[in-house]
Amino acid sequence: MADDDVSFRLSKAESLVLFEWLAKLDSLDSLPCEHPAEEKVLWRLQAQLEKALVEPLAPNYNEAIAEARCRVMEDK
């Protein structure tokens, strides 16, 4: 990792919820960006999540999203 990189941890559920939100905004062509750099960063984040998650390819993806949302809401 380069000295100027920032890393953080998300739970699997948080990652899945974030991925779904980014994918939904991207598909609606409504990313809330004021500058093209913001959109680029969101695309990179979405791509990294897509590489890390297997759930988006699973046949029960909608159920996985619903469960992930519940887990996130239950976390304190």
Protein backbone atom coordinates (compact mmCIF):
# COMPACT_ATOMS: atom_id res chain seq x y z
CA MET A 1 0.00 0.00 0.00
CA ALA A 2 1.35 3.43 -0.90
CA ASP A 3 2.00 5.94 1.87
CA ASP A 4 -0.87 8.12 0.71
CA ASP A 5 -3.44 5.29 0.54
CA VAL A 6 -6.27 5.12 3.03
CA SER A 7 -7.84 1.85 4.04
CA PHE A 8 -10.84 1.05 6.18
CA ARG A 9 -12.87 -1.98 7.13
CA LEU A 10 -16.51 -2.73 6.40
CA SER A 11 -18.43 -5.78 7.42
CA LYS A 12 -19.64 -8.07 4.65
CA ALA A 13 -23.17 -6.74 5.19
CA GLU A 14 -22.04 -3.12 5.01
CA SER A 15 -20.06 -3.86 1.86
CA LEU A 16 -23.02 -5.50 0.20
CA VAL A 17 -25.40 -2.66 1.10
CA LEU A 18 -22.91 -0.08 -0.17
CA PHE A 19 -22.33 -2.02 -3.38
CA GLU A 20 -26.07 -2.28 -4.04
CA TRP A 21 -26.57 1.45 -3.44
CA LEU A 22 -23.72 2.40 -5.77
CA ALA A 23 -24.91 -0.01 -8.45
CA LYS A 24 -28.46 1.34 -8.20
CA LEU A 25 -27.34 4.95 -8.50
CA ASP A 26 -25.05 4.09 -11.39
CA SER A 27 -27.81 2.27 -13.27
CA LEU A 28 -30.15 5.25 -12.78
CA ASP A 29 -27.41 7.56 -14.05
CA SER A 30 -27.90 9.65 -10.93
CA LEU A 31 -24.66 9.60 -8.99
CA PRO A 32 -24.74 12.65 -6.71
CA CYS A 33 -21.54 14.24 -8.02
CA GLU A 34 -20.54 17.84 -8.46
CA HIS A 35 -17.23 17.03 -10.14
CA PRO A 36 -16.10 14.23 -12.48
CA ALA A 37 -13.45 13.20 -9.94
CA GLU A 38 -16.19 12.31 -7.44
CA GLU A 39 -17.84 10.03 -9.98
CA LYS A 40 -14.49 8.40 -10.75
CA VAL A 41 -13.89 7.67 -7.06
CA LEU A 42 -17.37 6.15 -6.68
CA TRP A 43 -16.81 3.94 -9.74
CA ARG A 44 -13.49 2.75 -8.30
CA LEU A 45 -15.11 1.98 -4.98
CA GLN A 46 -17.89 0.06 -6.72
CA ALA A 47 -15.34 -1.90 -8.77
CA GLN A 48 -13.37 -2.83 -5.64
CA LEU A 49 -16.53 -4.01 -3.91
CA GLU A 50 -17.53 -6.00 -6.99
CA LYS A 51 -14.18 -7.81 -6.91
CA ALA A 52 -14.50 -8.57 -3.20
CA LEU A 53 -18.11 -9.79 -3.15
CA VAL A 54 -19.50 -13.04 -4.54
CA GLU A 55 -23.12 -12.28 -3.64
CA PRO A 56 -23.92 -10.11 -6.69
CA LEU A 57 -23.53 -13.20 -8.87
CA ALA A 58 -25.59 -15.47 -6.61
CA PRO A 59 -29.11 -16.52 -7.64
CA ASN A 60 -30.42 -15.37 -4.25
CA TYR A 61 -28.93 -11.86 -4.51
CA ASN A 62 -32.15 -10.07 -3.53
CA GLU A 63 -32.41 -12.18 -0.38
CA ALA A 64 -28.75 -11.51 0.41
CA ILE A 65 -29.33 -7.76 0.10
CA ALA A 66 -32.39 -7.92 2.35
CA GLU A 67 -30.46 -9.88 4.99
CA ALA A 68 -27.48 -7.53 4.76
CA ARG A 69 -29.70 -4.50 5.25
CA CYS A 70 -31.22 -6.09 8.35
CA ARG A 71 -27.79 -6.92 9.78
CA VAL A 72 -26.58 -3.36 9.21
CA MET A 73 -29.64 -1.93 10.95
CA GLU A 74 -29.18 -4.30 13.89
CA ASP A 75 -25.53 -3.26 14.42
CA LYS A 76 -24.96 -0.74 17.16
